[in-house]
Amino acid sequence: MKHYILKAFAILSILFFTEAQAQDSNVTISKNNKIDALLELKKEASLDETSSKKYKIQIFSGSLEEARKSNSNYKLKFSKWKSTLEFETPNYKIWVGNFRTKLEADRALTEIKKTFEHAFIFKPKKKKKE
């Protein structure tokens, strides 16, 4: 019994001593103002839906009525990737996602093709500003 008390006392002493040796310190972080500007530029670039460097998946091309039906059907089955209704004379198209890499788009296409068998990956052309 004495051994247990001595061991417990020794362990508690070590723990107390370790706690007593802790030190308080302050850390000062200084940040370059250019970092904020770069972050803002990155945010704007990420929002650019028409970037020719990104991939999209087209799941439909045809009449407006059918495009709306396809878009509704897509939204019921998928929520991971945003879909948009686009018009390119003479057809309405449903475009999905804004993938940074071909691999990312390929993975999404594999899942989407189970429902939309004619879906394909493409890189949209940059829209001209009027």
N, C-alpha and C. Protein backbone atom coordinates (compact mmCIF):
# COMPACT_ATOMS: atom_id res chain seq x y z
N MET A 1 0.82 -1.18 0.00
CA MET A 1 0.00 0.00 0.00
C MET A 1 0.87 1.26 0.00
N LYS A 2 1.98 1.18 0.76
CA LYS A 2 2.89 2.31 0.84
C LYS A 2 3.48 2.63 -0.54
N HIS A 3 3.77 1.59 -1.31
CA HIS A 3 4.35 1.77 -2.64
C HIS A 3 3.38 2.53 -3.55
N TYR A 4 2.11 2.19 -3.44
CA TYR A 4 1.11 2.86 -4.27
C TYR A 4 0.99 4.34 -3.92
N ILE A 5 1.05 4.65 -2.66
CA ILE A 5 0.96 6.04 -2.22
C ILE A 5 2.19 6.81 -2.68
N LEU A 6 3.36 6.18 -2.56
CA LEU A 6 4.59 6.84 -3.00
C LEU A 6 4.59 7.05 -4.52
N LYS A 7 4.13 6.05 -5.28
CA LYS A 7 4.06 6.18 -6.74
C LYS A 7 3.08 7.27 -7.13
N ALA A 8 1.92 7.30 -6.48
CA ALA A 8 0.92 8.32 -6.78
C ALA A 8 1.46 9.70 -6.46
N PHE A 9 2.16 9.82 -5.31
CA PHE A 9 2.74 11.09 -4.92
C PHE A 9 3.81 11.53 -5.92
N ALA A 10 4.62 10.60 -6.37
CA ALA A 10 5.68 10.91 -7.33
C ALA A 10 5.08 11.37 -8.67
N ILE A 11 4.05 10.68 -9.13
CA ILE A 11 3.40 11.05 -10.40
C ILE A 11 2.76 12.43 -10.28
N LEU A 12 2.05 12.67 -9.18
CA LEU A 12 1.41 13.97 -8.99
C LEU A 12 2.45 15.08 -8.88
N SER A 13 3.57 14.80 -8.24
CA SER A 13 4.63 15.80 -8.13
C SER A 13 5.20 16.15 -9.50
N ILE A 14 5.41 15.13 -10.31
CA ILE A 14 5.95 15.35 -11.66
C ILE A 14 4.96 16.18 -12.49
N LEU A 15 3.68 15.82 -12.43
CA LEU A 15 2.67 16.57 -13.17
C LEU A 15 2.59 18.02 -12.71
N PHE A 16 2.62 18.24 -11.40
CA PHE A 16 2.56 19.59 -10.86
C PHE A 16 3.79 20.39 -11.26
N PHE A 17 4.95 19.77 -11.20
CA PHE A 17 6.18 20.45 -11.56
C PHE A 17 6.17 20.83 -13.04
N THR A 18 5.67 19.93 -13.89
CA THR A 18 5.60 20.20 -15.32
C THR A 18 4.67 21.38 -15.58
N GLU A 19 3.52 21.41 -14.92
CA GLU A 19 2.57 22.52 -15.07
C GLU A 19 3.18 23.82 -14.58
N ALA A 20 3.92 23.78 -13.49
CA ALA A 20 4.49 24.99 -12.91
C ALA A 20 5.56 25.60 -13.81
N GLN A 21 6.17 24.79 -14.68
CA GLN A 21 7.24 25.27 -15.53
C GLN A 21 6.74 25.89 -16.84
N ALA A 22 5.44 25.82 -17.11
CA ALA A 22 4.89 26.38 -18.35
C ALA A 22 5.11 27.89 -18.37
N GLN A 23 5.31 28.43 -19.58
CA GLN A 23 5.57 29.85 -19.72
C GLN A 23 4.49 30.48 -20.60
N ASP A 24 4.17 31.72 -20.29
CA ASP A 24 3.26 32.48 -21.14
C ASP A 24 4.08 33.20 -22.19
N SER A 25 3.51 33.30 -23.40
CA SER A 25 4.21 34.03 -24.45
C SER A 25 3.19 34.68 -25.37
N ASN A 26 3.60 35.70 -26.04
CA ASN A 26 2.77 36.39 -27.02
C ASN A 26 3.41 36.24 -28.38
N VAL A 27 2.55 36.05 -29.39
CA VAL A 27 3.02 35.93 -30.76
C VAL A 27 2.43 37.09 -31.55
N THR A 28 3.26 37.80 -32.24
CA THR A 28 2.80 38.91 -33.07
C THR A 28 2.97 38.51 -34.52
N ILE A 29 1.87 38.61 -35.26
CA ILE A 29 1.90 38.26 -36.68
C ILE A 29 1.71 39.53 -37.48
N SER A 30 2.65 39.79 -38.37
CA SER A 30 2.49 40.95 -39.24
C SER A 30 2.25 40.43 -40.66
N LYS A 31 1.33 41.09 -41.34
CA LYS A 31 0.91 40.62 -42.66
C LYS A 31 1.13 41.72 -43.69
N ASN A 32 1.64 41.33 -44.83
CA ASN A 32 1.84 42.26 -45.92
C ASN A 32 0.48 42.61 -46.53
N ASN A 33 0.21 43.87 -46.79
CA ASN A 33 -1.08 44.30 -47.35
C ASN A 33 -1.34 43.74 -48.74
N LYS A 34 -0.30 43.35 -49.43
CA LYS A 34 -0.47 42.79 -50.78
C LYS A 34 -1.17 41.43 -50.73
N ILE A 35 -1.10 40.77 -49.60
CA ILE A 35 -1.77 39.48 -49.45
C ILE A 35 -3.28 39.64 -49.61
N ASP A 36 -3.85 40.69 -49.02
CA ASP A 36 -5.28 40.95 -49.16
C ASP A 36 -5.65 41.18 -50.62
N ALA A 37 -4.82 41.93 -51.34
CA ALA A 37 -5.08 42.19 -52.75
C ALA A 37 -5.03 40.90 -53.56
N LEU A 38 -4.06 40.04 -53.27
CA LEU A 38 -3.96 38.77 -53.97
C LEU A 38 -5.16 37.86 -53.67
N LEU A 39 -5.59 37.84 -52.42
CA LEU A 39 -6.76 37.03 -52.06
C LEU A 39 -8.00 37.52 -52.78
N GLU A 40 -8.14 38.82 -52.92
CA GLU A 40 -9.29 39.40 -53.62
C GLU A 40 -9.26 39.01 -55.10
N LEU A 41 -8.07 39.07 -55.71
CA LEU A 41 -7.93 38.66 -57.11
C LEU A 41 -8.28 37.19 -57.30
N LYS A 42 -7.84 36.36 -56.37
CA LYS A 42 -8.14 34.93 -56.46
C LYS A 42 -9.63 34.69 -56.35
N LYS A 43 -10.28 35.41 -55.44
CA LYS A 43 -11.72 35.26 -55.26
C LYS A 43 -12.46 35.64 -56.55
N GLU A 44 -12.04 36.73 -57.18
CA GLU A 44 -12.66 37.17 -58.44
C GLU A 44 -12.43 36.15 -59.54
N ALA A 45 -11.24 35.59 -59.60
CA ALA A 45 -10.93 34.59 -60.62
C ALA A 45 -11.75 33.33 -60.42
N SER A 46 -12.00 32.97 -59.18
CA SER A 46 -12.79 31.78 -58.89
C SER A 46 -14.25 31.98 -59.27
N LEU A 47 -14.70 33.21 -59.23
CA LEU A 47 -16.10 33.50 -59.56
C LEU A 47 -16.32 33.60 -61.06
N ASP A 48 -15.24 33.69 -61.83
CA ASP A 48 -15.36 33.84 -63.27
C ASP A 48 -15.87 32.54 -63.89
N GLU A 49 -17.15 32.49 -64.15
CA GLU A 49 -17.79 31.28 -64.68
C GLU A 49 -17.42 31.03 -66.13
N THR A 50 -16.96 32.03 -66.84
CA THR A 50 -16.69 31.87 -68.26
C THR A 50 -15.22 31.63 -68.56
N SER A 51 -14.45 31.37 -67.55
CA SER A 51 -13.01 31.17 -67.74
C SER A 51 -12.76 30.01 -68.69
N SER A 52 -11.93 30.25 -69.70
CA SER A 52 -11.63 29.20 -70.67
C SER A 52 -10.65 28.17 -70.10
N LYS A 53 -10.18 28.40 -68.88
CA LYS A 53 -9.27 27.46 -68.26
C LYS A 53 -10.01 26.41 -67.43
N LYS A 54 -11.33 26.54 -67.33
CA LYS A 54 -12.13 25.61 -66.52
C LYS A 54 -12.93 24.70 -67.42
N TYR A 55 -13.31 23.55 -66.88
CA TYR A 55 -14.09 22.57 -67.64
C TYR A 55 -15.54 22.59 -67.16
N LYS A 56 -16.44 22.26 -68.06
CA LYS A 56 -17.85 22.13 -67.74
C LYS A 56 -18.35 20.84 -68.37
N ILE A 57 -19.53 20.43 -67.94
CA ILE A 57 -20.17 19.25 -68.52
C ILE A 57 -21.49 19.71 -69.11
N GLN A 58 -21.72 19.37 -70.36
CA GLN A 58 -23.01 19.69 -70.98
C GLN A 58 -23.88 18.45 -70.89
N ILE A 59 -25.08 18.62 -70.32
CA ILE A 59 -25.98 17.47 -70.18
C ILE A 59 -27.17 17.54 -71.13
N PHE A 60 -27.39 18.72 -71.75
CA PHE A 60 -28.54 18.85 -72.66
C PHE A 60 -28.31 19.97 -73.65
N SER A 61 -28.90 19.80 -74.86
CA SER A 61 -28.94 20.84 -75.88
C SER A 61 -30.22 20.65 -76.66
N GLY A 62 -31.06 21.70 -76.74
CA GLY A 62 -32.32 21.59 -77.46
C GLY A 62 -33.24 22.75 -77.15
N SER A 63 -34.55 22.47 -77.16
CA SER A 63 -35.56 23.52 -76.95
C SER A 63 -35.56 24.02 -75.51
N LEU A 64 -36.12 25.21 -75.31
CA LEU A 64 -36.19 25.82 -73.99
C LEU A 64 -37.01 24.96 -73.04
N GLU A 65 -38.14 24.46 -73.50
CA GLU A 65 -39.01 23.64 -72.64
C GLU A 65 -38.29 22.37 -72.17
N GLU A 66 -37.63 21.69 -73.09
CA GLU A 66 -36.90 20.47 -72.74
C GLU A 66 -35.68 20.78 -71.86
N ALA A 67 -35.06 21.91 -72.12
CA ALA A 67 -33.90 22.32 -71.30
C ALA A 67 -34.34 22.54 -69.86
N ARG A 68 -35.48 23.20 -69.67
CA ARG A 68 -35.98 23.42 -68.31
C ARG A 68 -36.31 22.10 -67.62
N LYS A 69 -36.90 21.16 -68.36
CA LYS A 69 -37.21 19.84 -67.79
C LYS A 69 -35.92 19.12 -67.38
N SER A 70 -34.93 19.16 -68.26
CA SER A 70 -33.65 18.49 -67.97
C SER A 70 -32.98 19.13 -66.77
N ASN A 71 -33.03 20.45 -66.68
CA ASN A 71 -32.41 21.15 -65.57
C ASN A 71 -33.11 20.79 -64.25
N SER A 72 -34.43 20.72 -64.26
CA SER A 72 -35.18 20.32 -63.06
C SER A 72 -34.83 18.90 -62.66
N ASN A 73 -34.77 18.01 -63.63
CA ASN A 73 -34.41 16.62 -63.39
C ASN A 73 -33.00 16.52 -62.81
N TYR A 74 -32.08 17.30 -63.36
CA TYR A 74 -30.70 17.32 -62.86
C TYR A 74 -30.67 17.76 -61.40
N LYS A 75 -31.36 18.85 -61.11
CA LYS A 75 -31.34 19.41 -59.75
C LYS A 75 -31.96 18.46 -58.73
N LEU A 76 -32.90 17.63 -59.15
CA LEU A 76 -33.50 16.64 -58.24
C LEU A 76 -32.49 15.54 -57.88
N LYS A 77 -31.64 15.20 -58.83
CA LYS A 77 -30.72 14.07 -58.62
C LYS A 77 -29.33 14.46 -58.15
N PHE A 78 -28.90 15.70 -58.45
CA PHE A 78 -27.55 16.12 -58.12
C PHE A 78 -27.57 17.47 -57.42
N SER A 79 -26.78 17.59 -56.37
CA SER A 79 -26.67 18.88 -55.70
C SER A 79 -25.20 19.32 -55.55
N LYS A 80 -24.29 18.45 -55.92
CA LYS A 80 -22.86 18.75 -55.78
C LYS A 80 -22.40 19.88 -56.69
N TRP A 81 -22.92 19.88 -57.92
CA TRP A 81 -22.44 20.82 -58.93
C TRP A 81 -23.58 21.68 -59.43
N LYS A 82 -23.32 22.97 -59.52
CA LYS A 82 -24.30 23.94 -59.97
C LYS A 82 -24.56 23.77 -61.47
N SER A 83 -25.82 23.93 -61.87
CA SER A 83 -26.16 23.87 -63.29
C SER A 83 -26.63 25.25 -63.75
N THR A 84 -26.37 25.55 -65.02
CA THR A 84 -26.83 26.81 -65.60
C THR A 84 -27.49 26.55 -66.94
N LEU A 85 -28.48 27.36 -67.25
CA LEU A 85 -29.16 27.30 -68.53
C LEU A 85 -28.52 28.35 -69.43
N GLU A 86 -27.98 27.92 -70.55
CA GLU A 86 -27.28 28.82 -71.47
C GLU A 86 -27.98 28.79 -72.82
N PHE A 87 -27.89 29.88 -73.54
CA PHE A 87 -28.44 29.94 -74.90
C PHE A 87 -27.33 30.18 -75.89
N GLU A 88 -27.19 29.26 -76.84
CA GLU A 88 -26.27 29.42 -77.97
C GLU A 88 -27.10 29.11 -79.20
N THR A 89 -27.30 30.09 -80.03
CA THR A 89 -28.17 29.96 -81.19
C THR A 89 -27.91 28.65 -81.91
N PRO A 90 -28.89 27.85 -82.18
CA PRO A 90 -30.32 27.99 -81.94
C PRO A 90 -30.81 27.19 -80.71
N ASN A 91 -29.90 26.71 -79.88
CA ASN A 91 -30.29 25.80 -78.81
C ASN A 91 -30.06 26.36 -77.41
N TYR A 92 -30.86 25.82 -76.49
CA TYR A 92 -30.63 26.05 -75.06
C TYR A 92 -29.82 24.88 -74.55
N LYS A 93 -28.89 25.16 -73.66
CA LYS A 93 -28.00 24.12 -73.17
C LYS A 93 -27.96 24.16 -71.65
N ILE A 94 -27.76 22.98 -71.06
CA ILE A 94 -27.58 22.89 -69.61
C ILE A 94 -26.12 22.54 -69.38
N TRP A 95 -25.43 23.44 -68.70
CA TRP A 95 -24.03 23.25 -68.36
C TRP A 95 -23.92 23.03 -66.86
N VAL A 96 -23.05 22.11 -66.50
CA VAL A 96 -22.88 21.73 -65.09
C VAL A 96 -21.44 21.95 -64.66
N GLY A 97 -21.29 22.50 -63.44
CA GLY A 97 -19.99 22.60 -62.81
C GLY A 97 -19.12 23.72 -63.34
N ASN A 98 -17.97 23.80 -62.76
CA ASN A 98 -16.91 24.74 -63.13
C ASN A 98 -15.62 24.11 -62.61
N PHE A 99 -15.20 23.04 -63.26
CA PHE A 99 -14.12 22.19 -62.78
C PHE A 99 -12.76 22.75 -63.17
N ARG A 100 -11.84 22.75 -62.21
CA ARG A 100 -10.50 23.28 -62.44
C ARG A 100 -9.63 22.34 -63.26
N THR A 101 -9.85 21.03 -63.11
CA THR A 101 -9.01 20.07 -63.83
C THR A 101 -9.87 19.09 -64.62
N LYS A 102 -9.27 18.51 -65.63
CA LYS A 102 -9.96 17.50 -66.44
C LYS A 102 -10.31 16.29 -65.58
N LEU A 103 -9.42 15.93 -64.67
CA LEU A 103 -9.66 14.79 -63.78
C LEU A 103 -10.90 15.02 -62.93
N GLU A 104 -11.02 16.21 -62.38
CA GLU A 104 -12.19 16.57 -61.57
C GLU A 104 -13.47 16.45 -62.41
N ALA A 105 -13.42 16.95 -63.64
CA ALA A 105 -14.57 16.87 -64.54
C ALA A 105 -14.88 15.42 -64.92
N ASP A 106 -13.84 14.62 -65.17
CA ASP A 106 -14.04 13.20 -65.51
C ASP A 106 -14.75 12.45 -64.38
N ARG A 107 -14.38 12.72 -63.15
CA ARG A 107 -15.02 12.06 -62.01
C ARG A 107 -16.50 12.42 -61.94
N ALA A 108 -16.79 13.69 -62.15
CA ALA A 108 -18.19 14.14 -62.12
C ALA A 108 -18.96 13.53 -63.29
N LEU A 109 -18.33 13.49 -64.46
CA LEU A 109 -18.98 12.95 -65.65
C LEU A 109 -19.38 11.49 -65.45
N THR A 110 -18.52 10.72 -64.82
CA THR A 110 -18.82 9.31 -64.56
C THR A 110 -20.13 9.18 -63.77
N GLU A 111 -20.31 10.03 -62.81
CA GLU A 111 -21.53 10.00 -61.98
C GLU A 111 -22.74 10.52 -62.77
N ILE A 112 -22.55 11.61 -63.49
CA ILE A 112 -23.65 12.25 -64.22
C ILE A 112 -24.14 11.38 -65.38
N LYS A 113 -23.22 10.67 -66.04
CA LYS A 113 -23.59 9.83 -67.20
C LYS A 113 -24.55 8.70 -66.84
N LYS A 114 -24.63 8.36 -65.56
CA LYS A 114 -25.59 7.33 -65.15
C LYS A 114 -27.02 7.79 -65.39
N THR A 115 -27.25 9.10 -65.37
CA THR A 115 -28.57 9.66 -65.60
C THR A 115 -28.67 10.35 -66.96
N PHE A 116 -27.63 11.06 -67.34
CA PHE A 116 -27.62 11.81 -68.60
C PHE A 116 -26.55 11.19 -69.50
N GLU A 117 -26.94 10.17 -70.25
CA GLU A 117 -25.97 9.37 -71.01
C GLU A 117 -25.26 10.12 -72.12
N HIS A 118 -25.83 11.23 -72.60
CA HIS A 118 -25.19 11.99 -73.68
C HIS A 118 -24.32 13.14 -73.16
N ALA A 119 -24.10 13.19 -71.88
CA ALA A 119 -23.30 14.26 -71.28
C ALA A 119 -21.85 14.16 -71.75
N PHE A 120 -21.20 15.34 -71.84
CA PHE A 120 -19.79 15.36 -72.24
C PHE A 120 -19.10 16.56 -71.61
N ILE A 121 -17.77 16.49 -71.57
CA ILE A 121 -16.93 17.54 -70.99
C ILE A 121 -16.46 18.48 -72.10
N PHE A 122 -16.39 19.77 -71.78
CA PHE A 122 -15.87 20.74 -72.73
C PHE A 122 -15.30 21.94 -71.96
N LYS A 123 -14.57 22.77 -72.69
CA LYS A 123 -14.08 24.04 -72.14
C LYS A 123 -14.82 25.15 -72.89
N PRO A 124 -15.62 25.94 -72.16
CA PRO A 124 -16.35 27.00 -72.86
C PRO A 124 -15.41 28.10 -73.37
N LYS A 125 -15.81 28.70 -74.49
CA LYS A 125 -15.05 29.83 -75.01
C LYS A 125 -15.37 31.04 -74.17
N LYS A 126 -14.38 31.89 -74.00
CA LYS A 126 -14.58 33.10 -73.22
C LYS A 126 -15.56 34.01 -73.96
N LYS A 127 -16.57 34.48 -73.23
CA LYS A 127 -17.57 35.38 -73.83
C LYS A 127 -16.94 36.75 -74.05
N LYS A 128 -17.27 37.33 -75.19
CA LYS A 128 -16.76 38.68 -75.49
C LYS A 128 -17.60 39.69 -74.74
N LYS A 129 -16.94 40.69 -74.16
CA LYS A 129 -17.65 41.77 -73.46
C LYS A 129 -18.16 42.75 -74.51
N GLU A 130 -19.42 43.12 -74.35
CA GLU A 130 -20.03 44.05 -75.31
C GLU A 130 -19.97 45.46 -74.82
